[in-house]
Amino acid sequence: MIPYKATKKKPLTVEEKAFNTMLSKLRIVIEHINRELKIFRICKETYRGKGERGLLRVKLIASLYNHRVVFV
């Protein structure tokens, strides 16, 4: 989803501003999750292991993050 942009000739309406605010609140939650997952280097860099094990490892790290969030 892309936020609305204002120009000099066409300022944002109240509905567009409310949409942008709602979208930014949603995006910040997702960005914080991405930051937490990138702490593990396997989610940040190119996986150099064999086969499709990389996807399994990423899923394992994501499940560990979800497990930690549930119990904290």
N, C-alpha and C. Protein backbone atom coordinates (compact mmCIF):
# COMPACT_ATOMS: atom_id res chain seq x y z
N MET A 1 0.84 -1.17 0.00
CA MET A 1 0.00 0.00 0.00
C MET A 1 0.88 1.24 0.00
N ILE A 2 0.50 2.21 -0.75
CA ILE A 2 1.28 3.43 -0.90
C ILE A 2 0.51 4.59 -0.30
N PRO A 3 1.16 5.43 0.50
CA PRO A 3 0.46 6.59 1.08
C PRO A 3 0.18 7.65 0.01
N TYR A 4 -0.80 8.48 0.30
CA TYR A 4 -1.13 9.58 -0.60
C TYR A 4 -0.10 10.69 -0.43
N LYS A 5 0.15 11.43 -1.53
CA LYS A 5 1.08 12.55 -1.48
C LYS A 5 0.37 13.83 -1.86
N ALA A 6 0.73 14.88 -1.18
CA ALA A 6 0.13 16.18 -1.46
C ALA A 6 1.03 16.95 -2.42
N THR A 7 0.43 17.84 -3.17
CA THR A 7 1.18 18.76 -4.02
C THR A 7 0.80 20.18 -3.61
N LYS A 8 1.46 21.16 -4.23
CA LYS A 8 1.14 22.55 -3.91
C LYS A 8 -0.29 22.89 -4.33
N LYS A 9 -0.72 22.33 -5.46
CA LYS A 9 -2.04 22.65 -5.98
C LYS A 9 -3.14 21.78 -5.40
N LYS A 10 -2.77 20.62 -4.88
CA LYS A 10 -3.78 19.69 -4.36
C LYS A 10 -3.36 19.17 -2.99
N PRO A 11 -3.77 19.84 -1.92
CA PRO A 11 -3.43 19.34 -0.57
C PRO A 11 -4.25 18.09 -0.24
N LEU A 12 -3.80 17.37 0.78
CA LEU A 12 -4.49 16.15 1.18
C LEU A 12 -5.82 16.45 1.86
N THR A 13 -6.78 15.57 1.63
CA THR A 13 -8.06 15.69 2.32
C THR A 13 -7.95 15.06 3.70
N VAL A 14 -8.96 15.21 4.50
CA VAL A 14 -8.97 14.64 5.85
C VAL A 14 -8.92 13.11 5.79
N GLU A 15 -9.65 12.53 4.83
CA GLU A 15 -9.65 11.07 4.69
C GLU A 15 -8.28 10.55 4.28
N GLU A 16 -7.61 11.27 3.37
CA GLU A 16 -6.28 10.85 2.93
C GLU A 16 -5.27 10.95 4.07
N LYS A 17 -5.38 11.99 4.88
CA LYS A 17 -4.49 12.12 6.04
C LYS A 17 -4.73 11.00 7.04
N ALA A 18 -5.99 10.66 7.26
CA ALA A 18 -6.31 9.57 8.18
C ALA A 18 -5.77 8.24 7.65
N PHE A 19 -5.89 8.03 6.33
CA PHE A 19 -5.35 6.81 5.73
C PHE A 19 -3.84 6.74 5.89
N ASN A 20 -3.15 7.86 5.64
CA ASN A 20 -1.69 7.89 5.79
C ASN A 20 -1.28 7.61 7.23
N THR A 21 -2.01 8.14 8.20
CA THR A 21 -1.71 7.89 9.61
C THR A 21 -1.89 6.42 9.96
N MET A 22 -2.99 5.83 9.51
CA MET A 22 -3.25 4.42 9.77
C MET A 22 -2.18 3.55 9.12
N LEU A 23 -1.79 3.90 7.90
CA LEU A 23 -0.77 3.13 7.19
C LEU A 23 0.58 3.23 7.89
N SER A 24 0.93 4.41 8.38
CA SER A 24 2.22 4.57 9.06
C SER A 24 2.26 3.79 10.37
N LYS A 25 1.13 3.72 11.08
CA LYS A 25 1.08 2.94 12.32
C LYS A 25 1.24 1.45 12.04
N LEU A 26 0.69 1.00 10.93
CA LEU A 26 0.84 -0.40 10.55
C LEU A 26 2.26 -0.70 10.10
N ARG A 27 2.84 0.21 9.33
CA ARG A 27 4.19 0.00 8.80
C ARG A 27 5.24 -0.05 9.91
N ILE A 28 5.09 0.75 10.95
CA ILE A 28 6.10 0.78 12.00
C ILE A 28 6.16 -0.54 12.74
N VAL A 29 5.03 -1.20 12.90
CA VAL A 29 5.01 -2.51 13.55
C VAL A 29 5.79 -3.51 12.69
N ILE A 30 5.55 -3.49 11.40
CA ILE A 30 6.23 -4.41 10.48
C ILE A 30 7.72 -4.11 10.43
N GLU A 31 8.09 -2.84 10.44
CA GLU A 31 9.51 -2.48 10.40
C GLU A 31 10.22 -2.93 11.67
N HIS A 32 9.57 -2.87 12.82
CA HIS A 32 10.19 -3.36 14.05
C HIS A 32 10.40 -4.87 13.99
N ILE A 33 9.45 -5.59 13.42
CA ILE A 33 9.62 -7.05 13.27
C ILE A 33 10.77 -7.34 12.33
N ASN A 34 10.87 -6.60 11.22
CA ASN A 34 11.98 -6.80 10.29
C ASN A 34 13.31 -6.55 10.98
N ARG A 35 13.39 -5.54 11.82
CA ARG A 35 14.62 -5.25 12.55
C ARG A 35 14.99 -6.41 13.46
N GLU A 36 14.01 -6.93 14.18
CA GLU A 36 14.28 -8.05 15.08
C GLU A 36 14.78 -9.26 14.31
N LEU A 37 14.19 -9.53 13.15
CA LEU A 37 14.61 -10.70 12.37
C LEU A 37 15.97 -10.49 11.72
N LYS A 38 16.33 -9.26 11.39
CA LYS A 38 17.62 -9.01 10.76
C LYS A 38 18.77 -9.09 11.75
N ILE A 39 18.47 -9.12 13.04
CA ILE A 39 19.54 -9.30 14.03
C ILE A 39 20.22 -10.64 13.79
N PHE A 40 19.40 -11.65 13.40
CA PHE A 40 19.98 -12.92 12.99
C PHE A 40 20.53 -12.71 11.59
N ARG A 41 21.81 -12.95 11.39
CA ARG A 41 22.46 -12.63 10.13
C ARG A 41 21.92 -13.44 8.96
N ILE A 42 21.31 -14.60 9.23
CA ILE A 42 20.80 -15.41 8.13
C ILE A 42 19.65 -14.69 7.41
N CYS A 43 18.95 -13.82 8.11
CA CYS A 43 17.83 -13.08 7.50
C CYS A 43 18.31 -11.81 6.80
N LYS A 44 19.56 -11.41 7.01
CA LYS A 44 20.06 -10.17 6.46
C LYS A 44 20.96 -10.39 5.24
N GLU A 45 21.71 -11.48 5.25
CA GLU A 45 22.70 -11.70 4.21
C GLU A 45 22.28 -12.84 3.29
N THR A 46 23.06 -13.05 2.25
CA THR A 46 22.80 -14.13 1.31
C THR A 46 23.12 -15.46 1.97
N TYR A 47 22.19 -16.40 1.84
CA TYR A 47 22.41 -17.73 2.42
C TYR A 47 23.34 -18.50 1.52
N ARG A 48 24.41 -19.07 2.07
CA ARG A 48 25.40 -19.78 1.28
C ARG A 48 25.44 -21.27 1.59
N GLY A 49 24.43 -21.77 2.27
CA GLY A 49 24.37 -23.18 2.60
C GLY A 49 23.86 -24.01 1.43
N LYS A 50 23.70 -25.30 1.68
CA LYS A 50 23.28 -26.22 0.63
C LYS A 50 21.76 -26.27 0.52
N GLY A 51 21.28 -26.33 -0.70
CA GLY A 51 19.88 -26.62 -0.98
C GLY A 51 18.90 -25.63 -0.41
N GLU A 52 17.74 -26.16 -0.05
CA GLU A 52 16.65 -25.33 0.44
C GLU A 52 16.62 -25.23 1.96
N ARG A 53 17.71 -25.52 2.61
CA ARG A 53 17.75 -25.43 4.07
C ARG A 53 17.61 -24.00 4.57
N GLY A 54 17.98 -23.04 3.72
CA GLY A 54 17.90 -21.64 4.12
C GLY A 54 16.49 -21.23 4.47
N LEU A 55 15.53 -21.65 3.67
CA LEU A 55 14.13 -21.32 3.94
C LEU A 55 13.68 -21.95 5.26
N LEU A 56 14.12 -23.17 5.52
CA LEU A 56 13.77 -23.82 6.78
C LEU A 56 14.36 -23.07 7.97
N ARG A 57 15.57 -22.58 7.81
CA ARG A 57 16.22 -21.85 8.91
C ARG A 57 15.54 -20.50 9.14
N VAL A 58 15.13 -19.84 8.07
CA VAL A 58 14.43 -18.57 8.23
C VAL A 58 13.10 -18.81 8.94
N LYS A 59 12.39 -19.87 8.57
CA LYS A 59 11.13 -20.19 9.23
C LYS A 59 11.36 -20.51 10.71
N LEU A 60 12.46 -21.19 11.03
CA LEU A 60 12.79 -21.50 12.42
C LEU A 60 13.02 -20.22 13.21
N ILE A 61 13.76 -19.29 12.65
CA ILE A 61 14.04 -18.03 13.33
C ILE A 61 12.75 -17.23 13.53
N ALA A 62 11.88 -17.22 12.50
CA ALA A 62 10.61 -16.51 12.62
C ALA A 62 9.73 -17.15 13.69
N SER A 63 9.74 -18.47 13.77
CA SER A 63 8.93 -19.13 14.80
C SER A 63 9.49 -18.85 16.19
N LEU A 64 10.82 -18.78 16.32
CA LEU A 64 11.42 -18.42 17.60
C LEU A 64 11.03 -17.00 18.01
N TYR A 65 11.02 -16.10 17.05
CA TYR A 65 10.61 -14.72 17.34
C TYR A 65 9.15 -14.69 17.79
N ASN A 66 8.28 -15.42 17.08
CA ASN A 66 6.86 -15.46 17.44
C ASN A 66 6.68 -16.08 18.82
N HIS A 67 7.44 -17.10 19.14
CA HIS A 67 7.36 -17.76 20.44
C HIS A 67 7.78 -16.79 21.54
N ARG A 68 8.83 -16.00 21.28
CA ARG A 68 9.32 -15.06 22.27
C ARG A 68 8.30 -13.94 22.49
N VAL A 69 7.66 -13.48 21.44
CA VAL A 69 6.70 -12.39 21.55
C VAL A 69 5.47 -12.84 22.33
N VAL A 70 5.05 -14.07 22.15
CA VAL A 70 3.85 -14.58 22.83
C VAL A 70 4.08 -14.63 24.34
N PHE A 71 5.27 -15.03 24.78
CA PHE A 71 5.50 -15.24 26.20
C PHE A 71 6.10 -14.04 26.90
N VAL A 72 6.40 -12.97 26.21
CA VAL A 72 6.97 -11.79 26.87
C VAL A 72 5.89 -10.85 27.29
